[in-house]
Amino acid sequence: MVVGGMGICALLYFSMLLVIFLIELVAGVLAYVYYQKLSDELKQHLTQTLTENYALPGKKHITHSVDHLQQDFKCCGSNSSADWENSIYILSAESSGRVVPDSCCKTVTPECGKRNHPSNIYKVEGGCITRLEQFLADHLLIMGAVGIGIACLQVRPRTLCCLEPQLIQ
């Protein structure tokens, strides 16, 4: 089969679109399959991070990230605010008698973490993990819908190209 100049371009274009489509399809399937594994990893590592790495020297980026997580998602601790009881930070003198970090407070003020009262501390059922899982699930659904939409946009021109000779006649 001999293909002209335009035919080679069309063949190359079709091949590239097919490769992109397959990559999107595989990425979507892997994201769906590994969602539960990601959730389990988050549970394990977030709890470990809170208890072992928060407010330690050289771990300022972790402290900053955990503080942002708790403030943005309005939560406290991995599973509950009780997760902080065994934290190296809370058990240290550096905490100055805090029960939780100040980032757990609904209104952050200096040393607000000393008062462990529901009106002061975020007491979210399931802690930050449930909020983070919900955030990921919501965005995974949006990413999946966008991916399907893009895939449909990619398939549509190909089907029209195949039907074009029939439409002209």
Foldseek 3Di string as FASTA:
>chain_A
DDADPVRVVVVVVVVVLVVVLVVLVVVLVCCVVCLVVVLVVCLVVQLCCLAEPAPDPPRVVSVVVVLCLCQVLLFDHQQFVQSNCNHPCCPDCVLVQFSGDQSQFPDRDPRLRNDPDVNTGRGDHGTSSVSVSVVVVVVSVVVSVVSVVVSVVSVVVVVCVVCVVVVVD
